[in-house]
PDB file of N, CA and C in Angstrom:
ATOM      1  N   UNK A   1      41.063  61.025  -9.240  1.00  0.00           N
ATOM      2  CA  UNK A   1      42.488  60.784  -9.584  1.00  0.00           C
ATOM      3  C   UNK A   1      42.830  61.449 -10.593  1.00  0.00           C
ATOM      4  N   UNK A   2      44.166  61.852 -10.751  1.00  0.00           N
ATOM      5  CA  UNK A   2      44.696  62.753 -11.622  1.00  0.00           C
ATOM      6  C   UNK A   2      45.859  61.814 -12.280  1.00  0.00           C
ATOM      7  N   UNK A   3      45.411  61.853 -13.535  1.00  0.00           N
ATOM      8  CA  UNK A   3      46.442  61.174 -15.023  1.00  0.00           C
ATOM      9  C   UNK A   3      47.134  62.227 -15.888  1.00  0.00           C
ATOM     10  N   UNK A   4      48.084  61.658 -15.952  1.00  0.00           N
ATOM     11  CA  UNK A   4      49.090  62.410 -17.099  1.00  0.00           C
ATOM     12  C   UNK A   4      49.743  61.205 -18.095  1.00  0.00           C
ATOM     13  N   UNK A   5      49.807  61.699 -19.174  1.00  0.00           N
ATOM     14  CA  UNK A   5      50.507  61.117 -20.285  1.00  0.00           C
ATOM     15  C   UNK A   5      51.263  62.109 -21.016  1.00  0.00           C
ATOM     16  N   UNK A   6      52.713  61.440 -21.311  1.00  0.00           N
ATOM     17  CA  UNK A   6      53.720  62.434 -21.635  1.00  0.00           C
ATOM     18  C   UNK A   6      54.461  61.415 -23.017  1.00  0.00           C
ATOM     19  N   UNK A   7      54.875  62.292 -23.849  1.00  0.00           N
ATOM     20  CA  UNK A   7      55.933  62.004 -24.726  1.00  0.00           C
ATOM     21  C   UNK A   7      57.139  62.567 -24.725  1.00  0.00           C
ATOM     22  N   UNK A   8      58.301  61.987 -24.229  1.00  0.00           N
ATOM     23  CA  UNK A   8      59.694  62.953 -24.400  1.00  0.00           C
ATOM     24  C   UNK A   8      60.164  62.405 -25.393  1.00  0.00           C
ATOM     25  N   UNK A   9      61.203  63.191 -25.679  1.00  0.00           N
ATOM     26  CA  UNK A   9      62.537  62.644 -26.564  1.00  0.00           C
ATOM     27  C   UNK A   9      63.805  62.577 -26.008  1.00  0.00           C
ATOM     28  N   UNK A  10      64.215  61.711 -26.042  1.00  0.00           N
ATOM     29  CA  UNK A  10      65.762  61.265 -25.899  1.00  0.00           C
ATOM     30  C   UNK A  10      66.590  61.992 -26.669  1.00  0.00           C
ATOM     31  N   UNK A  11      67.955  62.443 -26.488  1.00  0.00           N
ATOM     32  CA  UNK A  11      69.161  62.592 -27.280  1.00  0.00           C
ATOM     33  C   UNK A  11      69.397  60.967 -28.106  1.00  0.00           C
ATOM     34  N   UNK A  12      69.742  61.629 -29.489  1.00  0.00           N
ATOM     35  CA  UNK A  12      69.900  60.187 -30.151  1.00  0.00           C
ATOM     36  C   UNK A  12      70.795  59.134 -29.522  1.00  0.00           C
ATOM     37  N   UNK A  13      70.336  58.042 -29.416  1.00  0.00           N
ATOM     38  CA  UNK A  13      70.839  56.757 -28.708  1.00  0.00           C
ATOM     39  C   UNK A  13      71.114  56.877 -27.170  1.00  0.00           C
ATOM     40  N   UNK A  14      70.140  57.835 -26.538  1.00  0.00           N
ATOM     41  CA  UNK A  14      69.934  57.791 -25.127  1.00  0.00           C
ATOM     42  C   UNK A  14      68.823  57.345 -24.403  1.00  0.00           C
ATOM     43  N   UNK A  15      67.816  56.979 -25.199  1.00  0.00           N
ATOM     44  CA  UNK A  15      66.620  56.135 -24.654  1.00  0.00           C
ATOM     45  C   UNK A  15      66.641  55.234 -23.695  1.00  0.00           C
ATOM     46  N   UNK A  16      67.418  54.532 -23.965  1.00  0.00           N
ATOM     47  CA  UNK A  16      67.540  53.256 -22.727  1.00  0.00           C
ATOM     48  C   UNK A  16      68.008  53.979 -21.693  1.00  0.00           C
ATOM     49  N   UNK A  17      69.162  55.218 -21.421  1.00  0.00           N
ATOM     50  CA  UNK A  17      69.902  55.757 -20.372  1.00  0.00           C
ATOM     51  C   UNK A  17      68.721  56.653 -19.585  1.00  0.00           C
ATOM     52  N   UNK A  18      67.699  57.566 -20.664  1.00  0.00           N
ATOM     53  CA  UNK A  18      66.424  58.317 -19.851  1.00  0.00           C
ATOM     54  C   UNK A  18      65.647  57.384 -18.949  1.00  0.00           C
ATOM     55  N   UNK A  19      65.212  56.311 -19.987  1.00  0.00           N
ATOM     56  CA  UNK A  19      64.272  55.106 -19.013  1.00  0.00           C
ATOM     57  C   UNK A  19      65.029  54.439 -17.997  1.00  0.00           C
ATOM     58  N   UNK A  20      66.096  54.268 -17.496  1.00  0.00           N
ATOM     59  CA  UNK A  20      66.759  53.605 -16.457  1.00  0.00           C
ATOM     60  C   UNK A  20      66.422  54.538 -15.765  1.00  0.00           C
ATOM     61  N   UNK A  21      66.770  55.974 -15.698  1.00  0.00           N
ATOM     62  CA  UNK A  21      66.697  56.869 -14.759  1.00  0.00           C
ATOM     63  C   UNK A  21      65.267  56.898 -14.062  1.00  0.00           C
ATOM     64  N   UNK A  22      64.481  57.019 -15.280  1.00  0.00           N
ATOM     65  CA  UNK A  22      63.176  57.285 -15.057  1.00  0.00           C
ATOM     66  C   UNK A  22      62.186  55.851 -14.103  1.00  0.00           C
ATOM     67  N   UNK A  23      62.850  54.793 -14.505  1.00  0.00           N
ATOM     68  CA  UNK A  23      62.196  53.378 -13.812  1.00  0.00           C
ATOM     69  C   UNK A  23      62.989  53.556 -12.405  1.00  0.00           C
ATOM     70  N   UNK A  24      64.262  53.636 -12.027  1.00  0.00           N
ATOM     71  CA  UNK A  24      64.889  53.618 -10.798  1.00  0.00           C
ATOM     72  C   UNK A  24      64.346  54.591  -9.972  1.00  0.00           C
ATOM     73  N   UNK A  25      63.672  55.677 -10.110  1.00  0.00           N
ATOM     74  CA  UNK A  25      63.571  56.756  -9.420  1.00  0.00           C
ATOM     75  C   UNK A  25      61.958  56.678  -9.229  1.00  0.00           C
ATOM     76  N   UNK A  26      61.252  55.625  -9.285  1.00  0.00           N
ATOM     77  CA  UNK A  26      59.647  55.556  -9.420  1.00  0.00           C
ATOM     78  C   UNK A  26      59.323  54.733  -8.286  1.00  0.00           C
ATOM     79  N   UNK A  27      60.307  54.865  -7.318  1.00  0.00           N
ATOM     80  CA  UNK A  27      59.924  53.570  -6.339  1.00  0.00           C
ATOM     81  C   UNK A  27      58.432  53.971  -5.644  1.00  0.00           C
ATOM     82  N   UNK A  28      58.884  54.328  -4.122  1.00  0.00           N
ATOM     83  CA  UNK A  28      57.481  54.858  -3.501  1.00  0.00           C
ATOM     84  C   UNK A  28      57.277  56.104  -3.502  1.00  0.00           C
ATOM     85  N   UNK A  29      56.780  56.807  -4.595  1.00  0.00           N
ATOM     86  CA  UNK A  29      56.472  58.140  -4.227  1.00  0.00           C
ATOM     87  C   UNK A  29      54.719  58.456  -3.920  1.00  0.00           C
ATOM     88  N   UNK A  30      54.699  58.837  -2.969  1.00  0.00           N
ATOM     89  CA  UNK A  30      53.263  59.404  -1.767  1.00  0.00           C
ATOM     90  C   UNK A  30      52.347  59.559  -3.096  1.00  0.00           C
ATOM     91  N   UNK A  31      51.082  58.975  -3.352  1.00  0.00           N
ATOM     92  CA  UNK A  31      50.324  59.134  -3.787  1.00  0.00           C
ATOM     93  C   UNK A  31      50.278  58.574  -5.623  1.00  0.00           C
ATOM     94  N   UNK A  32      51.226  57.928  -5.789  1.00  0.00           N
ATOM     95  CA  UNK A  32      51.270  57.782  -7.060  1.00  0.00           C
ATOM     96  C   UNK A  32      50.625  56.269  -7.018  1.00  0.00           C
ATOM     97  N   UNK A  33      49.817  55.972  -7.788  1.00  0.00           N
ATOM     98  CA  UNK A  33      49.214  54.618  -8.264  1.00  0.00           C
ATOM     99  C   UNK A  33      49.566  53.827  -9.407  1.00  0.00           C
ATOM    100  N   UNK A  34      50.120  54.430 -10.424  1.00  0.00           N
ATOM    101  CA  UNK A  34      50.619  53.941 -11.423  1.00  0.00           C
ATOM    102  C   UNK A  34      51.600  54.944 -12.287  1.00  0.00           C
ATOM    103  N   UNK A  35      52.762  54.118 -12.551  1.00  0.00           N
ATOM    104  CA  UNK A  35      53.865  54.888 -13.431  1.00  0.00           C
ATOM    105  C   UNK A  35      54.650  54.179 -14.398  1.00  0.00           C
ATOM    106  N   UNK A  36      54.087  54.259 -15.233  1.00  0.00           N
ATOM    107  CA  UNK A  36      54.604  53.337 -16.459  1.00  0.00           C
ATOM    108  C   UNK A  36      55.397  54.131 -17.556  1.00  0.00           C
ATOM    109  N   UNK A  37      56.193  53.426 -17.971  1.00  0.00           N
ATOM    110  CA  UNK A  37      57.540  54.018 -18.806  1.00  0.00           C
ATOM    111  C   UNK A  37      57.822  52.907 -20.335  1.00  0.00           C
ATOM    112  N   UNK A  38      57.317  53.579 -21.368  1.00  0.00           N
ATOM    113  CA  UNK A  38      57.120  52.577 -22.546  1.00  0.00           C
ATOM    114  C   UNK A  38      57.973  53.278 -23.623  1.00  0.00           C
ATOM    115  N   UNK A  39      58.417  52.443 -24.331  1.00  0.00           N
ATOM    116  CA  UNK A  39      59.015  52.786 -25.816  1.00  0.00           C
ATOM    117  C   UNK A  39      57.985  53.219 -26.995  1.00  0.00           C
ATOM    118  N   UNK A  40      58.644  53.588 -27.987  1.00  0.00           N
ATOM    119  CA  UNK A  40      57.590  53.719 -29.207  1.00  0.00           C
ATOM    120  C   UNK A  40      58.013  53.079 -30.226  1.00  0.00           C
ATOM    121  N   UNK A  41      57.491  51.978 -30.794  1.00  0.00           N
ATOM    122  CA  UNK A  41      57.648  50.873 -31.862  1.00  0.00           C
ATOM    123  C   UNK A  41      58.284  51.380 -32.718  1.00  0.00           C
ATOM    124  N   UNK A  42      58.034  52.796 -33.170  1.00  0.00           N
ATOM    125  CA  UNK A  42      58.278  53.516 -34.606  1.00  0.00           C
ATOM    126  C   UNK A  42      59.260  54.540 -34.456  1.00  0.00           C
ATOM    127  N   UNK A  43      59.579  54.973 -33.439  1.00  0.00           N
ATOM    128  CA  UNK A  43      60.553  56.062 -33.222  1.00  0.00           C
ATOM    129  C   UNK A  43      61.442  55.373 -31.867  1.00  0.00           C
ATOM    130  N   UNK A  44      62.556  55.604 -32.417  1.00  0.00           N
ATOM    131  CA  UNK A  44      63.782  54.899 -31.581  1.00  0.00           C
ATOM    132  C   UNK A  44      64.142  56.053 -30.330  1.00  0.00           C
ATOM    133  N   UNK A  45      63.926  57.167 -30.444  1.00  0.00           N
ATOM    134  CA  UNK A  45      63.972  58.299 -29.433  1.00  0.00           C
ATOM    135  C   UNK A  45      63.049  58.594 -28.399  1.00  0.00           C
ATOM    136  N   UNK A  46      61.966  57.978 -28.833  1.00  0.00           N
ATOM    137  CA  UNK A  46      60.791  58.499 -28.170  1.00  0.00           C
ATOM    138  C   UNK A  46      60.449  57.540 -26.798  1.00  0.00           C
ATOM    139  N   UNK A  47      60.023  58.157 -25.716  1.00  0.00           N
ATOM    140  CA  UNK A  47      59.366  57.779 -24.443  1.00  0.00           C
ATOM    141  C   UNK A  47      58.274  58.229 -24.363  1.00  0.00           C
ATOM    142  N   UNK A  48      57.104  57.408 -23.613  1.00  0.00           N
ATOM    143  CA  UNK A  48      55.865  57.555 -23.280  1.00  0.00           C
ATOM    144  C   UNK A  48      55.735  57.064 -21.989  1.00  0.00           C
ATOM    145  N   UNK A  49      55.221  58.014 -21.142  1.00  0.00           N
ATOM    146  CA  UNK A  49      55.073  58.061 -19.666  1.00  0.00           C
ATOM    147  C   UNK A  49      53.745  58.349 -19.281  1.00  0.00           C
ATOM    148  N   UNK A  50      53.014  56.957 -18.519  1.00  0.00           N
ATOM    149  CA  UNK A  50      51.632  57.192 -18.264  1.00  0.00           C
ATOM    150  C   UNK A  50      51.786  57.178 -16.748  1.00  0.00           C
ATOM    151  N   UNK A  51      51.156  58.118 -16.137  1.00  0.00           N
ATOM    152  CA  UNK A  51      50.944  58.335 -14.504  1.00  0.00           C
ATOM    153  C   UNK A  51      49.622  58.357 -14.308  1.00  0.00           C
ATOM    154  N   UNK A  52      49.447  57.962 -13.066  1.00  0.00           N
ATOM    155  CA  UNK A  52      47.918  58.055 -12.427  1.00  0.00           C
ATOM    156  C   UNK A  52      48.341  58.386 -10.919  1.00  0.00           C
ATOM    157  N   UNK A  53      47.762  58.988 -10.317  1.00  0.00           N
ATOM    158  CA  UNK A  53      47.978  60.114  -9.068  1.00  0.00           C
ATOM    159  C   UNK A  53      46.852  59.800  -8.219  1.00  0.00           C
ATOM    160  N   UNK A  54      46.780  59.764  -7.077  1.00  0.00           N
ATOM    161  CA  UNK A  54      45.747  59.898  -6.308  1.00  0.00           C
ATOM    162  C   UNK A  54      44.592  61.427  -6.273  1.00  0.00           C
ATOM    163  N   UNK A  55      45.715  62.390  -6.508  1.00  0.00           N
ATOM    164  CA  UNK A  55      45.261  63.704  -7.076  1.00  0.00           C
ATOM    165  C   UNK A  55      46.162  64.499  -8.004  1.00  0.00           C
ATOM    166  N   UNK A  56      46.166  65.703  -8.162  1.00  0.00           N
ATOM    167  CA  UNK A  56      47.080  66.575  -8.546  1.00  0.00           C
ATOM    168  C   UNK A  56      47.864  66.915  -7.777  1.00  0.00           C
ATOM    169  N   UNK A  57      47.619  67.385  -6.246  1.00  0.00           N
ATOM    170  CA  UNK A  57      48.451  67.663  -5.394  1.00  0.00           C
ATOM    171  C   UNK A  57      49.661  66.714  -5.084  1.00  0.00           C
ATOM    172  N   UNK A  58      49.356  65.734  -4.968  1.00  0.00           N
ATOM    173  CA  UNK A  58      50.402  64.480  -5.006  1.00  0.00           C
ATOM    174  C   UNK A  58      51.376  64.662  -5.924  1.00  0.00           C
ATOM    175  N   UNK A  59      50.898  64.679  -7.325  1.00  0.00           N
ATOM    176  CA  UNK A  59      51.937  64.687  -8.662  1.00  0.00           C
ATOM    177  C   UNK A  59      52.837  65.772  -7.977  1.00  0.00           C
ATOM    178  N   UNK A  60      52.125  67.304  -7.849  1.00  0.00           N
ATOM    179  CA  UNK A  60      52.854  68.184  -7.710  1.00  0.00           C
ATOM    180  C   UNK A  60      53.787  68.383  -6.720  1.00  0.00           C
ATOM    181  N   UNK A  61      53.444  67.674  -5.466  1.00  0.00           N
ATOM    182  CA  UNK A  61      54.243  67.283  -4.016  1.00  0.00           C
ATOM    183  C   UNK A  61      55.512  66.479  -4.509  1.00  0.00           C
ATOM    184  N   UNK A  62      55.300  65.375  -5.529  1.00  0.00           N
ATOM    185  CA  UNK A  62      55.972  64.340  -5.757  1.00  0.00           C
ATOM    186  C   UNK A  62      57.717  65.594  -6.653  1.00  0.00           C
ATOM    187  N   UNK A  63      57.316  66.472  -7.286  1.00  0.00           N
ATOM    188  CA  UNK A  63      58.290  66.914  -8.036  1.00  0.00           C
ATOM    189  C   UNK A  63      59.353  67.522  -7.023  1.00  0.00           C
ATOM    190  N   UNK A  64      58.769  67.848  -5.671  1.00  0.00           N
ATOM    191  CA  UNK A  64      59.711  68.434  -5.076  1.00  0.00           C
ATOM    192  C   UNK A  64      60.868  67.689  -4.201  1.00  0.00           C
ATOM    193  N   UNK A  65      60.423  66.387  -4.203  1.00  0.00           N
ATOM    194  CA  UNK A  65      61.308  65.275  -3.675  1.00  0.00           C
ATOM    195  C   UNK A  65      62.598  65.181  -4.109  1.00  0.00           C
ATOM    196  N   UNK A  66      63.656  65.050  -3.031  1.00  0.00           N
ATOM    197  CA  UNK A  66      65.028  65.120  -3.358  1.00  0.00           C
ATOM    198  C   UNK A  66      65.287  64.173  -4.371  1.00  0.00           C
ATOM    199  N   UNK A  67      64.584  62.677  -4.324  1.00  0.00           N
ATOM    200  CA  UNK A  67      64.912  62.037  -4.885  1.00  0.00           C
ATOM    201  C   UNK A  67      64.203  62.098  -6.387  1.00  0.00           C
ATOM    202  N   UNK A  68      63.569  62.465  -6.285  1.00  0.00           N
ATOM    203  CA  UNK A  68      63.122  63.293  -7.681  1.00  0.00           C
ATOM    204  C   UNK A  68      63.653  64.282  -8.583  1.00  0.00           C
ATOM    205  N   UNK A  69      64.073  65.372  -7.744  1.00  0.00           N
ATOM    206  CA  UNK A  69      64.912  66.136  -8.046  1.00  0.00           C
ATOM    207  C   UNK A  69      66.291  65.815  -8.614  1.00  0.00           C
ATOM    208  N   UNK A  70      66.908  64.599  -7.957  1.00  0.00           N
ATOM    209  CA  UNK A  70      67.946  64.316  -8.579  1.00  0.00           C
ATOM    210  C   UNK A  70      68.019  63.363  -9.468  1.00  0.00           C
ATOM    211  N   UNK A  71      66.640  62.513  -9.722  1.00  0.00           N
ATOM    212  CA  UNK A  71      66.685  61.678 -11.198  1.00  0.00           C
ATOM    213  C   UNK A  71      66.506  62.807 -12.214  1.00  0.00           C
ATOM    214  N   UNK A  72      65.814  64.048 -12.109  1.00  0.00           N
ATOM    215  CA  UNK A  72      65.545  64.669 -13.069  1.00  0.00           C
ATOM    216  C   UNK A  72      67.115  65.409 -13.162  1.00  0.00           C
ATOM    217  N   UNK A  73      67.713  65.586 -12.586  1.00  0.00           N
ATOM    218  CA  UNK A  73      69.371  66.584 -12.775  1.00  0.00           C
ATOM    219  C   UNK A  73      69.987  65.258 -13.544  1.00  0.00           C
ATOM    220  N   UNK A  74      69.812  64.036 -13.276  1.00  0.00           N
ATOM    221  CA  UNK A  74      70.608  62.730 -13.720  1.00  0.00           C
ATOM    222  C   UNK A  74      70.164  62.723 -15.102  1.00  0.00           C
ATOM    223  N   UNK A  75      68.761  62.794 -15.626  1.00  0.00           N
ATOM    224  CA  UNK A  75      68.515  62.429 -16.908  1.00  0.00           C
ATOM    225  C   UNK A  75      68.425  63.324 -17.693  1.00  0.00           C
ATOM    226  N   UNK A  76      68.570  65.065 -17.229  1.00  0.00           N
ATOM    227  CA  UNK A  76      68.388  66.104 -18.189  1.00  0.00           C
ATOM    228  C   UNK A  76      69.468  66.146 -19.284  1.00  0.00           C
ATOM    229  N   UNK A  77      70.528  65.494 -18.899  1.00  0.00           N
ATOM    230  CA  UNK A  77      71.829  65.811 -20.301  1.00  0.00           C
ATOM    231  C   UNK A  77      71.463  64.777 -21.107  1.00  0.00           C
ATOM    232  N   UNK A  78      70.527  63.787 -20.847  1.00  0.00           N
ATOM    233  CA  UNK A  78      69.925  62.785 -21.943  1.00  0.00           C
ATOM    234  C   UNK A  78      68.850  63.345 -22.829  1.00  0.00           C
ATOM    235  N   UNK A  79      67.982  64.085 -22.136  1.00  0.00           N
ATOM    236  CA  UNK A  79      66.487  64.300 -23.139  1.00  0.00           C
ATOM    237  C   UNK A  79      66.771  65.478 -23.894  1.00  0.00           C
ATOM    238  N   UNK A  80      66.334  65.034 -25.097  1.00  0.00           N
ATOM    239  CA  UNK A  80      66.625  66.346 -26.028  1.00  0.00           C
ATOM    240  C   UNK A  80      64.957  67.160 -25.931  1.00  0.00           C
ATOM    241  N   UNK A  81      64.003  66.778 -25.450  1.00  0.00           N
ATOM    242  CA  UNK A  81      63.081  67.779 -25.433  1.00  0.00           C
ATOM    243  C   UNK A  81      61.749  67.011 -24.914  1.00  0.00           C
ATOM    244  N   UNK A  82      60.388  67.705 -24.854  1.00  0.00           N
ATOM    245  CA  UNK A  82      59.461  67.029 -24.457  1.00  0.00           C
ATOM    246  C   UNK A  82      58.384  67.592 -25.282  1.00  0.00           C
ATOM    247  N   UNK A  83      57.778  66.395 -26.153  1.00  0.00           N
ATOM    248  CA  UNK A  83      56.423  66.668 -27.043  1.00  0.00           C
ATOM    249  C   UNK A  83      55.375  67.229 -26.745  1.00  0.00           C
ATOM    250  N   UNK A  84      54.639  66.690 -25.991  1.00  0.00           N
ATOM    251  CA  UNK A  84      53.513  67.377 -25.359  1.00  0.00           C
ATOM    252  C   UNK A  84      52.926  66.311 -24.210  1.00  0.00           C
ATOM    253  N   UNK A  85      52.411  66.754 -23.075  1.00  0.00           N
ATOM    254  CA  UNK A  85      51.829  66.301 -22.119  1.00  0.00           C
ATOM    255  C   UNK A  85      50.219  66.627 -21.948  1.00  0.00           C
ATOM    256  N   UNK A  86      49.224  65.396 -21.505  1.00  0.00           N
ATOM    257  CA  UNK A  86      48.150  65.835 -21.284  1.00  0.00           C
ATOM    258  C   UNK A  86      47.214  65.117 -20.202  1.00  0.00           C
ATOM    259  N   UNK A  87      46.671  66.003 -19.339  1.00  0.00           N
ATOM    260  CA  UNK A  87      46.108  65.815 -18.196  1.00  0.00           C
ATOM    261  C   UNK A  87      44.824  64.758 -18.450  1.00  0.00           C
ATOM    262  N   UNK A  88      44.597  63.919 -17.558  1.00  0.00           N
ATOM    263  CA  UNK A  88      43.389  62.978 -18.138  1.00  0.00           C
ATOM    264  C   UNK A  88      42.825  62.772 -16.271  1.00  0.00           C
ATOM    265  N   UNK A  89      41.811  62.301 -16.359  1.00  0.00           N
ATOM    266  CA  UNK A  89      40.944  61.892 -14.995  1.00  0.00           C
ATOM    267  C   UNK A  89      40.607  60.521 -15.039  1.00  0.00           C
ATOM    268  N   UNK A  90      41.487  59.672 -14.626  1.00  0.00           N
ATOM    269  CA  UNK A  90      41.276  58.140 -14.876  1.00  0.00           C
ATOM    270  C   UNK A  90      40.097  57.969 -13.990  1.00  0.00           C
ATOM    271  N   UNK A  91      39.301  56.916 -14.469  1.00  0.00           N
ATOM    272  CA  UNK A  91      38.304  56.753 -13.670  1.00  0.00           C
ATOM    273  C   UNK A  91      38.449  54.995 -13.015  1.00  0.00           C
ATOM    274  N   UNK A  92      39.351  54.647 -13.446  1.00  0.00           N
ATOM    275  CA  UNK A  92      39.533  53.221 -12.775  1.00  0.00           C
ATOM    276  C   UNK A  92      40.125  52.177 -13.948  1.00  0.00           C
ATOM    277  N   UNK A  93      40.635  51.023 -13.730  1.00  0.00           N
ATOM    278  CA  UNK A  93      41.027  50.108 -14.568  1.00  0.00           C
ATOM    279  C   UNK A  93      41.641  49.101 -13.873  1.00  0.00           C
ATOM    280  N   UNK A  94      42.742  48.158 -14.544  1.00  0.00           N
ATOM    281  CA  UNK A  94      42.814  47.085 -13.975  1.00  0.00           C
ATOM    282  C   UNK A  94      44.076  47.392 -12.895  1.00  0.00           C
ATOM    283  N   UNK A  95      44.057  47.306 -11.584  1.00  0.00           N
ATOM    284  CA  UNK A  95      45.331  47.940 -10.770  1.00  0.00           C
ATOM    285  C   UNK A  95      44.903  49.218 -10.065  1.00  0.00           C
ATOM    286  N   UNK A  96      43.520  49.878 -10.511  1.00  0.00           N
ATOM    287  CA  UNK A  96      43.228  51.037 -10.138  1.00  0.00           C
ATOM    288  C   UNK A  96      42.134  51.204  -9.304  1.00  0.00           C
ATOM    289  N   UNK A  97      41.818  51.690  -8.336  1.00  0.00           N
ATOM    290  CA  UNK A  97      40.340  51.640  -7.536  1.00  0.00           C
ATOM    291  C   UNK A  97      39.305  52.398  -8.552  1.00  0.00           C
ATOM    292  N   UNK A  98      38.144  51.830  -8.760  1.00  0.00           N
ATOM    293  CA  UNK A  98      37.168  52.409  -9.380  1.00  0.00           C
ATOM    294  C   UNK A  98      36.640  53.913  -8.497  1.00  0.00           C
ATOM    295  N   UNK A  99      36.327  54.784  -9.593  1.00  0.00           N
ATOM    296  CA  UNK A  99      35.725  56.020  -9.165  1.00  0.00           C
ATOM    297  C   UNK A  99      34.724  56.439  -9.931  1.00  0.00           C
ATOM    298  N   UNK A 100      33.812  57.229  -9.249  1.00  0.00           N
ATOM    299  CA  UNK A 100      32.435  57.516  -9.806  1.00  0.00           C
ATOM    300  C   UNK A 100      32.863  58.470 -11.309  1.00  0.00           C
ATOM    301  N   UNK A 101      31.847  58.319 -12.131  1.00  0.00           N
ATOM    302  CA  UNK A 101      32.459  58.767 -13.622  1.00  0.00           C
ATOM    303  C   UNK A 101      31.156  60.133 -13.509  1.00  0.00           C
ATOM    304  N   UNK A 102      31.516  61.248 -13.720  1.00  0.00           N
ATOM    305  CA  UNK A 102      31.081  62.355 -14.190  1.00  0.00           C
ATOM    306  C   UNK A 102      30.771  63.679 -12.856  1.00  0.00           C
TER     307      UNK A 102
END
């Protein structure tokens, strides 16, 4: 499995608008096992996104889908920036298939 955890910053007062676009555009993405959008309890403009994919290629391919491209274009005016993104290698958990560690 392939995972990403990222923190983005919405333009002041636009967090809900960005989260709406993110949530409405994450329906049936081939290879996506989990896509979680979360607020930050101490930062009103921060958005955390945690993703789990079957593999890195599935994530990369999703970025070329017309619906994902449209969502990016729709959200772009409301995004102030991206603070960081880390790649992870999920090994399982509630709702995810178990994989071998190591």
